N, C-alpha and C. Protein backbone atom coordinates (compact mmCIF):
# COMPACT_ATOMS: atom_id res chain seq x y z
N MET A 1 -9.50 -2.44 -6.73
CA MET A 1 -7.87 -2.62 -6.43
C MET A 1 -7.48 -1.18 -6.37
N GLN A 2 -6.60 -0.72 -5.55
CA GLN A 2 -6.35 0.75 -5.44
C GLN A 2 -4.28 0.57 -6.18
N THR A 3 -4.63 2.10 -6.05
CA THR A 3 -3.40 2.64 -6.76
C THR A 3 -2.34 3.13 -5.64
N ILE A 4 -1.08 2.19 -5.21
CA ILE A 4 -0.22 2.79 -4.05
C ILE A 4 0.81 3.15 -4.08
N LEU A 5 1.22 4.22 -3.65
CA LEU A 5 2.81 4.49 -4.14
C LEU A 5 3.43 4.12 -2.57
N VAL A 6 4.61 3.72 -2.84
CA VAL A 6 5.47 3.63 -1.09
C VAL A 6 6.94 4.22 -1.62
N THR A 7 7.06 4.84 -0.78
CA THR A 7 8.49 5.46 -0.77
C THR A 7 9.20 4.33 0.31
N GLY A 8 10.99 4.08 -0.26
CA GLY A 8 11.46 3.39 0.70
C GLY A 8 11.20 1.87 0.24
N ALA A 9 10.47 1.85 -0.88
CA ALA A 9 10.52 0.35 -1.26
C ALA A 9 11.38 -1.05 -1.07
N ASN A 10 12.28 -0.30 -1.23
CA ASN A 10 13.66 -1.50 -1.89
C ASN A 10 13.99 -2.07 -0.55
N LYS A 11 13.87 -2.23 0.37
CA LYS A 11 14.15 -2.95 1.07
C LYS A 11 13.24 -2.79 2.63
N GLY A 12 13.62 -3.60 3.73
CA GLY A 12 12.71 -3.85 5.10
C GLY A 12 11.44 -3.76 4.94
N ILE A 13 10.73 -2.87 5.66
CA ILE A 13 9.40 -2.42 5.98
C ILE A 13 8.70 -1.75 4.67
N GLY A 14 9.47 -1.49 3.47
CA GLY A 14 8.95 -0.78 2.29
C GLY A 14 8.69 -2.03 1.65
N LEU A 15 9.86 -2.79 1.56
CA LEU A 15 9.70 -3.97 0.47
C LEU A 15 8.39 -4.85 0.63
N GLN A 16 8.55 -5.25 2.31
CA GLN A 16 7.57 -5.43 3.10
C GLN A 16 5.95 -5.55 2.50
N LEU A 17 5.65 -3.90 2.69
CA LEU A 17 4.49 -3.27 2.22
C LEU A 17 3.91 -3.26 0.83
N THR A 18 5.28 -3.40 -0.31
CA THR A 18 5.10 -3.44 -1.10
C THR A 18 4.51 -5.21 -1.90
N THR A 19 5.44 -5.81 -1.39
CA THR A 19 4.72 -7.24 -1.40
C THR A 19 3.64 -7.87 -0.90
N GLN A 20 3.42 -7.35 0.26
CA GLN A 20 1.64 -7.60 0.76
C GLN A 20 0.77 -7.05 -0.57
N LEU A 21 0.90 -5.74 -0.25
CA LEU A 21 0.23 -4.74 -0.82
C LEU A 21 -0.14 -5.44 -2.73
N LYS A 22 0.85 -6.10 -3.10
CA LYS A 22 1.11 -6.52 -4.31
C LYS A 22 0.19 -7.98 -4.40
N GLU A 23 0.52 -8.87 -3.61
CA GLU A 23 -0.15 -10.32 -3.32
C GLU A 23 -1.88 -9.84 -3.04
N ARG A 24 -2.41 -8.99 -2.35
CA ARG A 24 -3.62 -8.51 -2.44
C ARG A 24 -4.20 -8.19 -3.86
N GLY A 25 -3.40 -7.65 -4.80
CA GLY A 25 -3.93 -7.57 -6.00
C GLY A 25 -4.11 -5.81 -6.44
N ASP A 26 -3.51 -5.40 -5.42
CA ASP A 26 -3.17 -3.45 -5.64
C ASP A 26 -2.32 -3.49 -6.54
N ASN A 27 -2.09 -2.23 -7.21
CA ASN A 27 -1.32 -1.82 -8.18
C ASN A 27 -0.53 -0.55 -7.58
N VAL A 28 1.12 -1.59 -7.13
CA VAL A 28 2.10 -0.76 -6.57
C VAL A 28 2.94 0.04 -7.08
N ILE A 29 3.03 1.32 -7.02
CA ILE A 29 4.12 2.20 -7.53
C ILE A 29 5.97 1.99 -6.32
N ALA A 30 6.67 1.76 -6.62
CA ALA A 30 7.69 1.50 -5.76
C ALA A 30 8.44 2.44 -6.15
N VAL A 31 8.71 3.04 -4.68
CA VAL A 31 9.49 4.75 -5.18
C VAL A 31 11.08 4.21 -4.09
N CYS A 32 12.20 4.75 -4.96
CA CYS A 32 13.36 4.13 -4.07
C CYS A 32 14.45 5.15 -4.60
N ARG A 33 15.71 5.17 -3.61
CA ARG A 33 16.72 5.50 -4.55
C ARG A 33 17.76 4.49 -5.51
N THR A 34 17.36 3.48 -4.67
CA THR A 34 18.29 2.29 -5.66
C THR A 34 17.06 1.06 -5.39
N ALA A 35 17.07 0.67 -6.56
CA ALA A 35 16.49 -0.63 -6.86
C ALA A 35 16.95 -2.22 -6.55
N SER A 36 16.43 -2.31 -5.48
CA SER A 36 17.34 -4.29 -4.91
C SER A 36 16.59 -5.19 -5.88
N PRO A 37 17.38 -6.19 -6.23
CA PRO A 37 17.04 -7.31 -6.66
C PRO A 37 15.84 -7.69 -6.15
N GLU A 38 15.58 -7.71 -5.04
CA GLU A 38 14.23 -8.38 -4.31
C GLU A 38 12.98 -7.44 -4.53
N LEU A 39 13.19 -6.22 -5.06
CA LEU A 39 11.73 -5.30 -5.24
C LEU A 39 11.48 -6.00 -6.75
N LEU A 40 13.15 -5.65 -7.48
CA LEU A 40 12.78 -6.05 -8.92
C LEU A 40 11.52 -7.31 -9.51
N LYS A 41 12.17 -8.31 -8.71
CA LYS A 41 11.78 -9.44 -8.75
C LYS A 41 10.31 -9.84 -8.64
N LEU A 42 9.88 -8.76 -7.23
CA LEU A 42 8.47 -8.44 -7.60
C LEU A 42 7.64 -7.94 -8.10
N GLY A 43 7.86 -7.63 -9.41
CA GLY A 43 7.75 -6.84 -10.54
C GLY A 43 6.19 -5.51 -10.31
N PRO A 44 6.54 -4.72 -9.81
CA PRO A 44 5.67 -3.43 -9.39
C PRO A 44 6.49 -2.78 -10.24
N ARG A 45 5.66 -1.62 -10.87
CA ARG A 45 6.26 -0.32 -11.08
C ARG A 45 7.31 0.34 -10.70
N VAL A 46 8.27 0.39 -10.58
CA VAL A 46 9.60 0.74 -9.79
C VAL A 46 10.20 2.13 -10.67
N ILE A 47 10.27 3.17 -9.35
CA ILE A 47 10.52 4.58 -10.14
C ILE A 47 11.88 5.09 -9.16
N ASP A 48 13.20 4.47 -9.82
CA ASP A 48 14.14 4.37 -8.75
C ASP A 48 15.15 6.17 -9.39
N GLY A 49 16.04 5.96 -8.56
CA GLY A 49 17.00 7.54 -8.39
C GLY A 49 15.86 8.73 -7.80
N ILE A 50 15.34 8.35 -6.68
CA ILE A 50 14.29 9.12 -6.08
C ILE A 50 15.11 9.17 -4.54
N ASP A 51 15.47 10.63 -4.10
CA ASP A 51 15.83 10.73 -3.00
C ASP A 51 14.81 12.06 -2.50
N VAL A 52 14.15 11.46 -1.41
CA VAL A 52 13.30 12.06 -0.58
C VAL A 52 13.54 13.29 0.21
N GLY A 53 14.89 13.50 0.26
CA GLY A 53 15.39 14.48 0.58
C GLY A 53 15.94 15.63 -0.28
N SER A 54 15.58 15.65 -1.76
CA SER A 54 15.89 16.13 -2.88
C SER A 54 14.92 16.99 -3.01
N ALA A 55 14.67 17.84 -3.56
CA ALA A 55 13.61 19.36 -3.97
C ALA A 55 14.00 18.58 -5.62
N GLY A 56 14.98 18.70 -6.05
CA GLY A 56 14.89 17.98 -7.45
C GLY A 56 14.34 16.94 -7.85
N SER A 57 14.92 15.86 -6.61
CA SER A 57 14.41 14.72 -7.29
C SER A 57 12.72 13.98 -6.85
N ILE A 58 11.98 14.41 -5.87
CA ILE A 58 10.87 14.91 -5.91
C ILE A 58 10.09 15.46 -7.13
N GLU A 59 11.02 16.56 -7.78
CA GLU A 59 10.34 17.10 -9.00
C GLU A 59 9.87 16.12 -10.13
N GLY A 60 11.00 14.87 -9.82
CA GLY A 60 11.71 14.21 -11.10
C GLY A 60 10.73 12.89 -11.01
N LEU A 61 10.23 12.48 -9.70
CA LEU A 61 8.59 11.65 -9.20
C LEU A 61 8.00 12.20 -10.00
N LYS A 62 7.44 13.34 -9.93
CA LYS A 62 5.99 14.30 -10.07
C LYS A 62 6.21 14.32 -11.45
N GLN A 63 7.20 14.31 -12.51
CA GLN A 63 7.28 13.99 -13.70
C GLN A 63 6.84 12.76 -14.35
N ALA A 64 7.61 11.88 -13.24
CA ALA A 64 7.53 10.65 -14.00
C ALA A 64 5.96 9.91 -13.88
N LEU A 65 5.47 10.63 -12.84
CA LEU A 65 3.94 10.29 -12.82
C LEU A 65 3.00 10.79 -13.43
N GLY A 66 3.27 11.82 -13.86
CA GLY A 66 2.40 12.54 -14.62
C GLY A 66 0.65 12.82 -13.72
N ASP A 67 -0.30 11.85 -14.59
CA ASP A 67 -1.40 12.54 -14.25
C ASP A 67 -2.19 11.07 -13.45
N GLN A 68 -1.03 10.32 -13.29
CA GLN A 68 -1.31 8.77 -12.44
C GLN A 68 -2.01 9.27 -11.20
N HIS A 69 -3.14 8.47 -11.12
CA HIS A 69 -4.40 8.45 -10.10
C HIS A 69 -3.35 7.69 -8.67
N LEU A 70 -3.96 8.53 -7.51
CA LEU A 70 -3.22 7.50 -6.52
C LEU A 70 -3.95 7.45 -5.42
N ASP A 71 -4.34 6.12 -4.75
CA ASP A 71 -5.55 6.14 -4.01
C ASP A 71 -4.55 5.95 -2.49
N VAL A 72 -3.44 5.73 -2.42
CA VAL A 72 -2.63 6.01 -1.46
C VAL A 72 -1.50 5.99 -1.48
N ILE A 73 -0.67 7.43 -1.07
CA ILE A 73 0.44 7.77 -0.84
C ILE A 73 1.05 6.95 1.22
N ILE A 74 2.30 6.08 0.45
CA ILE A 74 2.59 5.74 1.96
C ILE A 74 3.96 6.76 1.99
N ASN A 75 4.48 7.33 2.98
CA ASN A 75 5.60 8.29 3.01
C ASN A 75 6.62 6.77 3.95
N ASN A 76 7.32 6.00 3.72
CA ASN A 76 7.98 5.46 4.17
C ASN A 76 9.70 5.60 4.68
N ALA A 77 10.21 6.17 3.69
CA ALA A 77 11.44 6.26 3.67
C ALA A 77 12.20 6.91 4.86
N GLY A 78 13.15 6.02 5.43
CA GLY A 78 13.83 7.20 6.30
C GLY A 78 14.86 6.68 6.86
N ILE A 79 15.63 7.40 7.50
CA ILE A 79 17.05 6.85 8.10
C ILE A 79 17.09 6.58 9.26
N LEU A 80 17.93 6.28 10.25
CA LEU A 80 18.61 6.69 11.62
C LEU A 80 20.15 7.11 11.76
N ARG A 81 20.08 7.78 12.64
CA ARG A 81 21.81 8.23 12.82
C ARG A 81 21.36 7.77 14.35
N GLY A 82 22.53 7.04 15.07
CA GLY A 82 22.52 6.81 16.35
C GLY A 82 23.27 8.10 16.58
N ASP A 83 23.34 9.35 18.32
CA ASP A 83 24.28 10.21 18.52
C ASP A 83 23.76 9.92 20.12
N ALA A 84 24.83 10.84 20.74
CA ALA A 84 24.93 10.87 22.09
C ALA A 84 25.20 12.22 22.44
N PHE A 85 24.45 12.23 23.62
CA PHE A 85 24.87 13.95 24.10
C PHE A 85 25.96 14.07 24.17
N GLY A 86 27.11 15.33 23.93
CA GLY A 86 28.17 15.75 24.35
C GLY A 86 29.56 15.68 22.83
N SER A 87 28.85 14.52 21.96
CA SER A 87 29.30 14.53 20.60
C SER A 87 28.16 14.45 19.39
N LEU A 88 27.59 15.11 19.48
CA LEU A 88 26.12 15.09 18.56
C LEU A 88 26.84 15.53 17.54
N ASN A 89 26.28 15.08 16.24
CA ASN A 89 26.91 15.46 15.07
C ASN A 89 25.61 15.90 14.31
N TYR A 90 25.66 17.67 14.30
CA TYR A 90 24.89 18.25 13.95
C TYR A 90 24.27 18.37 12.26
N ASP A 91 24.99 17.57 11.54
CA ASP A 91 24.55 17.49 10.37
C ASP A 91 24.18 16.36 9.87
N GLU A 92 24.06 15.45 10.92
CA GLU A 92 23.60 14.27 10.64
C GLU A 92 22.05 14.46 11.28
N MET A 93 22.36 14.95 12.08
CA MET A 93 20.59 15.45 12.72
C MET A 93 19.77 16.35 11.44
N LEU A 94 20.46 17.42 10.91
CA LEU A 94 20.19 17.92 9.56
C LEU A 94 19.58 16.72 8.92
N GLU A 95 20.12 16.09 8.29
CA GLU A 95 20.34 14.91 7.23
C GLU A 95 18.85 14.41 7.76
N GLN A 96 18.61 13.88 9.25
CA GLN A 96 17.26 12.86 9.30
C GLN A 96 15.96 13.94 9.24
N TYR A 97 16.61 15.42 9.62
CA TYR A 97 15.16 16.00 9.36
C TYR A 97 14.98 15.87 7.55
N SER A 98 15.91 16.22 7.02
CA SER A 98 15.46 16.42 5.67
C SER A 98 14.98 15.58 4.94
N ILE A 99 14.90 14.12 5.75
CA ILE A 99 14.80 12.92 4.79
C ILE A 99 13.11 12.39 5.38
N ASN A 100 13.81 12.13 6.78
CA ASN A 100 12.03 11.92 7.94
C ASN A 100 11.00 12.53 8.04
N THR A 101 11.32 14.20 8.16
CA THR A 101 10.52 14.99 8.30
C THR A 101 9.91 15.82 7.20
N LEU A 102 11.05 16.14 6.49
CA LEU A 102 10.51 16.80 5.03
C LEU A 102 9.99 16.06 3.88
N GLY A 103 10.73 15.02 3.72
CA GLY A 103 10.33 14.05 3.11
C GLY A 103 9.44 13.99 2.85
N PRO A 104 8.38 13.06 3.74
CA PRO A 104 7.10 13.32 3.49
C PRO A 104 6.21 14.28 2.97
N LEU A 105 6.71 15.39 3.09
CA LEU A 105 6.22 16.74 3.22
C LEU A 105 6.20 17.20 1.56
N ARG A 106 7.28 16.81 1.43
CA ARG A 106 7.90 16.90 -0.29
C ARG A 106 6.81 16.40 -1.00
N VAL A 107 7.13 14.93 -0.96
CA VAL A 107 6.50 14.11 -1.97
C VAL A 107 4.97 14.30 -1.19
N THR A 108 3.95 14.60 -0.52
CA THR A 108 2.92 14.70 -0.75
C THR A 108 2.30 16.01 -0.87
N GLU A 109 3.24 17.42 -1.27
CA GLU A 109 2.65 18.29 -1.68
C GLU A 109 3.28 18.01 -3.40
N ALA A 110 3.86 17.62 -3.83
CA ALA A 110 4.61 17.73 -5.06
C ALA A 110 3.58 16.53 -5.60
N LEU A 111 2.57 15.39 -5.01
CA LEU A 111 2.15 15.14 -5.64
C LEU A 111 0.38 14.99 -5.07
N VAL A 112 -0.03 16.43 -4.92
CA VAL A 112 -1.31 16.34 -4.00
C VAL A 112 -2.46 16.47 -5.42
N ASP A 113 -1.97 16.99 -6.58
CA ASP A 113 -3.14 16.68 -7.70
C ASP A 113 -3.02 15.21 -8.32
N ASN A 114 -2.31 14.40 -7.74
CA ASN A 114 -2.65 12.88 -7.84
C ASN A 114 -3.37 12.44 -7.08
N LEU A 115 -3.75 12.35 -5.91
CA LEU A 115 -4.92 12.36 -4.96
C LEU A 115 -6.04 12.88 -5.46
N LYS A 116 -7.44 12.32 -4.98
CA LYS A 116 -8.79 12.71 -5.06
C LYS A 116 -9.57 12.75 -3.79
N GLU A 117 -10.19 13.00 -3.58
CA GLU A 117 -11.36 12.09 -2.76
C GLU A 117 -11.41 11.02 -2.28
N GLY A 118 -11.15 11.19 -0.78
CA GLY A 118 -11.09 9.16 -0.89
C GLY A 118 -10.02 9.23 -0.59
N SER A 119 -9.18 9.47 -0.92
CA SER A 119 -7.22 8.97 -1.32
C SER A 119 -6.90 9.01 0.30
N LYS A 120 -5.87 8.27 0.35
CA LYS A 120 -5.18 8.98 1.71
C LYS A 120 -3.40 8.87 1.43
N VAL A 121 -3.19 9.45 2.94
CA VAL A 121 -1.64 10.16 3.36
C VAL A 121 -1.27 9.26 4.30
N ALA A 122 -0.72 8.30 3.86
CA ALA A 122 0.18 7.68 5.60
C ALA A 122 1.20 8.36 5.31
N ILE A 123 1.83 8.14 6.57
CA ILE A 123 2.89 8.56 6.86
C ILE A 123 3.64 7.58 8.41
N VAL A 124 5.25 6.65 8.08
CA VAL A 124 5.72 6.16 9.01
C VAL A 124 6.47 6.75 9.95
N SER A 125 6.30 7.10 10.70
CA SER A 125 6.63 7.70 12.04
C SER A 125 7.62 7.26 13.26
N SER A 126 7.42 7.34 14.18
CA SER A 126 8.00 6.47 15.64
C SER A 126 7.51 6.90 16.49
N ARG A 127 7.19 5.70 17.50
CA ARG A 127 6.73 5.79 18.70
C ARG A 127 7.88 7.07 19.49
N VAL A 128 9.36 6.90 19.10
CA VAL A 128 9.82 7.85 19.84
C VAL A 128 9.79 9.38 19.56
N GLY A 129 8.89 9.55 18.81
CA GLY A 129 8.56 11.04 18.49
C GLY A 129 7.77 11.19 19.48
N SER A 130 7.07 10.61 20.53
CA SER A 130 5.76 11.02 20.93
C SER A 130 6.67 11.65 22.40
N ILE A 131 6.25 12.87 22.21
CA ILE A 131 6.91 13.41 23.79
C ILE A 131 6.89 12.87 25.13
N GLU A 132 5.34 12.62 24.79
CA GLU A 132 5.08 11.86 26.29
C GLU A 132 5.53 10.55 26.61
N ASP A 133 5.81 9.67 25.55
CA ASP A 133 5.86 8.73 25.77
C ASP A 133 7.89 8.57 26.04
N ASN A 134 8.42 9.72 25.74
CA ASN A 134 9.67 9.42 25.78
C ASN A 134 10.27 9.31 27.15
N GLY A 135 10.52 7.87 27.57
CA GLY A 135 11.04 7.82 29.47
C GLY A 135 12.65 7.44 29.36
N SER A 136 13.41 7.55 28.06
CA SER A 136 14.72 6.69 27.73
C SER A 136 15.93 7.73 27.09
N GLY A 137 15.21 9.01 26.76
CA GLY A 137 16.13 10.15 26.13
C GLY A 137 16.73 9.38 24.71
N GLY A 138 17.98 10.00 24.72
CA GLY A 138 18.92 9.93 23.76
C GLY A 138 18.32 9.79 22.11
N TYR A 139 18.92 9.49 21.10
CA TYR A 139 18.68 9.35 19.86
C TYR A 139 18.11 10.93 19.34
N TYR A 140 18.60 11.99 19.59
CA TYR A 140 18.25 13.44 19.33
C TYR A 140 18.03 13.80 18.05
N GLY A 141 18.71 13.39 17.01
CA GLY A 141 18.09 13.68 15.80
C GLY A 141 17.23 12.87 15.54
N TYR A 142 16.96 11.75 15.94
CA TYR A 142 15.75 10.72 15.03
C TYR A 142 14.56 11.04 16.00
N ARG A 143 14.77 11.35 17.05
CA ARG A 143 13.30 11.55 17.96
C ARG A 143 12.69 12.66 17.49
N ALA A 144 13.36 13.81 16.96
CA ALA A 144 13.31 15.21 16.54
C ALA A 144 12.45 14.67 15.75
N SER A 145 12.95 14.66 14.54
CA SER A 145 12.87 14.57 13.03
C SER A 145 11.43 13.57 13.09
N LYS A 146 10.94 12.85 14.30
CA LYS A 146 9.75 12.15 13.75
C LYS A 146 8.58 12.95 15.11
N THR A 147 9.42 13.46 15.80
CA THR A 147 8.49 14.62 16.83
C THR A 147 7.51 15.85 15.28
N ALA A 148 8.59 15.83 14.75
CA ALA A 148 8.29 17.21 13.97
C ALA A 148 7.53 16.54 12.77
N VAL A 149 7.68 15.03 11.98
CA VAL A 149 6.98 15.00 11.19
C VAL A 149 5.52 14.62 11.42
N ASN A 150 5.32 14.21 12.87
CA ASN A 150 4.09 14.02 13.55
C ASN A 150 3.41 15.64 13.15
N GLN A 151 3.98 16.16 13.82
CA GLN A 151 3.12 17.81 13.65
C GLN A 151 3.24 18.09 11.89
N ILE A 152 3.67 17.84 11.10
CA ILE A 152 3.96 17.90 9.68
C ILE A 152 2.12 16.85 9.30
N GLY A 153 1.90 16.04 9.79
CA GLY A 153 1.22 15.24 10.04
C GLY A 153 -0.39 15.69 10.24
N THR A 154 -0.28 16.52 11.22
CA THR A 154 -1.28 17.32 11.69
C THR A 154 -1.57 18.21 10.93
N ASN A 155 -0.90 18.96 10.23
CA ASN A 155 -1.09 20.06 9.41
C ASN A 155 -1.60 19.49 8.28
N LEU A 156 -1.06 18.58 7.74
CA LEU A 156 -1.53 17.78 6.54
C LEU A 156 -3.00 17.40 6.66
N LYS A 157 -3.15 17.50 7.51
CA LYS A 157 -5.15 16.76 8.04
C LYS A 157 -5.79 17.98 7.84
N ILE A 158 -5.35 19.16 8.24
CA ILE A 158 -6.15 20.01 8.30
C ILE A 158 -6.14 20.71 6.74
N GLU A 159 -5.01 20.80 6.15
CA GLU A 159 -5.06 21.06 5.08
C GLU A 159 -5.24 20.54 3.67
N LEU A 160 -5.77 19.08 4.20
CA LEU A 160 -6.18 18.25 3.12
C LEU A 160 -7.68 17.60 3.35
N ALA A 161 -8.34 18.25 4.25
CA ALA A 161 -9.34 17.83 4.85
C ALA A 161 -10.87 18.26 3.85
N PRO A 162 -9.85 19.38 3.19
CA PRO A 162 -11.17 20.15 2.26
C PRO A 162 -11.41 19.08 1.07
N ARG A 163 -10.33 18.31 0.71
CA ARG A 163 -10.37 17.77 -0.50
C ARG A 163 -10.89 16.50 -0.19
N GLY A 164 -11.21 16.05 1.13
CA GLY A 164 -11.61 14.77 1.88
C GLY A 164 -10.57 13.65 1.40
N ILE A 165 -9.45 14.34 1.86
CA ILE A 165 -7.98 13.37 1.75
C ILE A 165 -7.90 13.17 3.22
N ALA A 166 -7.68 11.73 3.89
CA ALA A 166 -7.56 11.25 5.01
C ALA A 166 -5.44 11.45 5.21
N VAL A 167 -5.40 11.64 6.43
CA VAL A 167 -3.98 11.77 6.85
C VAL A 167 -3.62 10.42 7.97
N VAL A 168 -2.92 9.31 8.11
CA VAL A 168 -2.92 8.62 9.15
C VAL A 168 -0.93 8.33 9.41
N LEU A 169 -0.74 8.65 10.65
CA LEU A 169 0.16 8.49 11.17
C LEU A 169 0.47 7.13 11.83
N LEU A 170 2.20 6.61 11.47
CA LEU A 170 2.22 5.01 11.89
C LEU A 170 3.47 4.60 12.48
N HIS A 171 3.33 4.28 13.58
CA HIS A 171 4.47 3.40 14.43
C HIS A 171 4.46 2.17 14.38
N PRO A 172 5.64 1.50 12.90
CA PRO A 172 5.73 0.51 12.83
C PRO A 172 6.25 -0.56 14.09
N GLY A 173 5.93 -0.22 14.90
CA GLY A 173 6.94 -0.83 15.90
C GLY A 173 8.53 -0.97 15.88
N LEU A 174 9.35 -1.73 16.73
CA LEU A 174 10.54 -2.14 16.74
C LEU A 174 10.92 -3.24 15.66
N VAL A 175 11.17 -3.16 14.53
CA VAL A 175 11.35 -3.80 13.33
C VAL A 175 12.60 -4.17 13.07
N ALA A 176 13.17 -5.62 13.00
CA ALA A 176 14.37 -6.25 12.97
C ALA A 176 14.83 -6.00 11.21
N THR A 177 15.21 -4.33 11.05
CA THR A 177 15.77 -4.48 9.82
C THR A 177 17.47 -3.64 10.32
N GLU A 178 18.29 -3.21 8.74
CA GLU A 178 18.97 -2.67 9.26
C GLU A 178 19.46 -1.48 10.19
N MET A 179 17.97 -0.89 9.83
CA MET A 179 18.17 0.82 10.71
C MET A 179 18.52 0.18 12.36
N THR A 180 17.57 -0.58 12.52
CA THR A 180 17.35 -1.37 14.18
C THR A 180 18.61 -2.59 14.97
N GLY A 181 19.81 -2.70 13.55
CA GLY A 181 20.62 -3.37 13.85
C GLY A 181 19.56 -5.29 13.76
N GLY A 182 18.66 -5.41 13.45
CA GLY A 182 18.03 -7.17 13.19
C GLY A 182 17.23 -7.09 14.56
N GLN A 183 17.14 -6.27 15.40
CA GLN A 183 16.34 -6.52 16.67
C GLN A 183 14.50 -6.14 16.43
N GLY A 184 13.55 -6.82 16.80
CA GLY A 184 12.63 -6.40 16.88
C GLY A 184 11.60 -7.79 15.94
N VAL A 185 10.43 -7.23 15.60
CA VAL A 185 9.45 -8.40 14.88
C VAL A 185 9.78 -8.22 13.63
N THR A 186 9.58 -8.92 12.58
CA THR A 186 9.91 -9.10 11.46
C THR A 186 9.64 -7.79 10.41
N PRO A 187 9.78 -7.41 9.53
CA PRO A 187 9.04 -6.70 8.61
C PRO A 187 8.06 -6.98 8.05
N ALA A 188 7.87 -8.20 7.85
CA ALA A 188 6.35 -8.84 7.30
C ALA A 188 5.44 -8.36 8.12
N GLU A 189 5.75 -8.60 9.94
CA GLU A 189 4.47 -8.69 10.72
C GLU A 189 4.10 -7.51 10.71
N SER A 190 5.16 -6.34 10.88
CA SER A 190 4.88 -4.92 11.39
C SER A 190 4.07 -4.36 9.58
N ALA A 191 4.52 -5.14 8.68
CA ALA A 191 3.78 -4.53 7.22
C ALA A 191 2.05 -5.09 7.44
N ARG A 192 1.74 -5.86 8.00
CA ARG A 192 0.63 -6.59 7.82
C ARG A 192 -0.42 -5.57 8.85
N GLY A 193 0.65 -5.03 9.83
CA GLY A 193 -0.23 -4.13 10.36
C GLY A 193 -0.69 -2.40 9.97
N LEU A 194 0.72 -2.79 9.83
CA LEU A 194 0.51 -1.13 9.14
C LEU A 194 -0.83 -1.00 7.67
N ILE A 195 -0.64 -1.90 7.33
CA ILE A 195 -1.54 -2.13 6.11
C ILE A 195 -2.95 -1.94 6.52
N ALA A 196 -3.26 -2.43 7.43
CA ALA A 196 -4.50 -2.83 8.28
C ALA A 196 -4.65 -1.38 8.82
N ARG A 197 -3.57 -0.59 9.40
CA ARG A 197 -4.17 0.44 9.88
C ARG A 197 -4.48 1.68 8.89
N ILE A 198 -3.42 1.35 7.72
CA ILE A 198 -4.31 2.51 6.54
C ILE A 198 -5.26 2.05 5.90
N ASP A 199 -5.72 0.80 5.66
CA ASP A 199 -6.94 0.15 5.70
C ASP A 199 -8.18 1.13 6.31
N ALA A 200 -7.86 1.38 7.30
CA ALA A 200 -9.09 1.52 8.24
C ALA A 200 -8.79 3.16 8.70
N ALA A 201 -8.25 3.83 8.18
CA ALA A 201 -8.13 5.00 7.93
C ALA A 201 -9.18 5.54 6.95
N CYS A 202 -9.78 6.70 8.07
CA CYS A 202 -10.74 7.67 7.40
C CYS A 202 -10.91 8.33 7.64
N MET A 203 -11.79 9.95 7.15
CA MET A 203 -12.03 11.36 7.29
C MET A 203 -12.09 11.27 8.53
N GLU A 204 -13.01 10.35 9.87
CA GLU A 204 -13.22 10.72 11.04
C GLU A 204 -12.54 10.65 11.58
N ASN A 205 -11.36 9.61 11.44
CA ASN A 205 -10.22 9.64 12.52
C ASN A 205 -8.57 10.01 11.62
N SER A 206 -8.67 10.93 10.73
CA SER A 206 -8.05 11.51 9.97
C SER A 206 -6.85 12.53 10.92
N GLY A 207 -5.58 12.03 10.76
CA GLY A 207 -4.35 13.12 11.63
C GLY A 207 -4.12 12.35 13.18
N SER A 208 -4.66 10.93 13.42
CA SER A 208 -3.98 10.03 14.32
C SER A 208 -2.88 9.11 14.08
N PHE A 209 -2.58 9.00 15.15
CA PHE A 209 -1.38 8.54 15.44
C PHE A 209 -1.16 7.22 16.15
N TRP A 210 -1.12 6.25 15.32
CA TRP A 210 -1.33 4.42 15.76
C TRP A 210 -0.14 3.78 15.84
N HIS A 211 -0.13 2.80 16.52
CA HIS A 211 0.60 1.40 16.01
C HIS A 211 0.02 0.38 15.59
N ALA A 212 1.28 -0.23 14.61
CA ALA A 212 1.01 -0.84 13.99
C ALA A 212 0.01 -1.94 14.45
N GLU A 213 -0.16 -2.35 15.58
CA GLU A 213 -0.40 -3.23 16.34
C GLU A 213 -1.92 -3.14 16.77
N GLY A 214 -2.26 -1.82 16.37
CA GLY A 214 -4.22 -1.53 16.31
C GLY A 214 -4.02 -0.76 17.51
N TYR A 215 -3.50 0.52 18.09
CA TYR A 215 -4.03 1.02 19.58
C TYR A 215 -2.95 2.04 19.07
N GLU A 216 -4.20 3.35 19.64
CA GLU A 216 -3.45 4.85 19.70
C GLU A 216 -2.24 5.30 20.54
N LEU A 217 -1.45 5.82 19.76
CA LEU A 217 -0.25 6.72 20.88
C LEU A 217 -0.77 7.90 21.00
N PRO A 218 0.01 8.34 22.40
CA PRO A 218 0.32 9.87 22.82
C PRO A 218 0.93 10.59 22.15
N TRP A 219 0.57 11.51 21.84
CA TRP A 219 1.69 12.48 21.35
C TRP A 219 2.86 13.09 22.29
């Protein structure tokens, strides 16, 4: 049994990650801003009131965990704001950067002492953060935030290597959630793939960028 912390655990992919990990016997710590009835019904340890975009909030998470050992941190919390060239909302772009890019860094930095050799850090990024794969444009803020978090993940690979902690960057696929307007595969299907990729993460492939379906993605 592993102890796994999941951010953004109250709905969508995060709720499914929590569900499936708990069903297989892992000890799940579910972190979110506001706990949903569905999450509370599952019965994991819930730490709510946590905004990964807030340094003070992450300090509260650190205090709540104390010296609790973590085998895996899954940085799943994120937001998407639609935008279009000519009417860009730069405040919303910065909000996405704060949550999607700096959020995983805040969480990982704050909780690094809860990790030990053999622990893993997973970051749910997105294929739209791939510069090489960008053939459609748009979503300036979201794309840039995910490209930047890929760089954060690469830095963390180097930073955490001496501690024996592996890092994996993940694309969940197009998933039918509030964020995508209900388009795509089910959160349950995406979560199954993400868990498989996290299980397969190790020091030898640390820092790589994977699709939930099991193939590596270009930067």
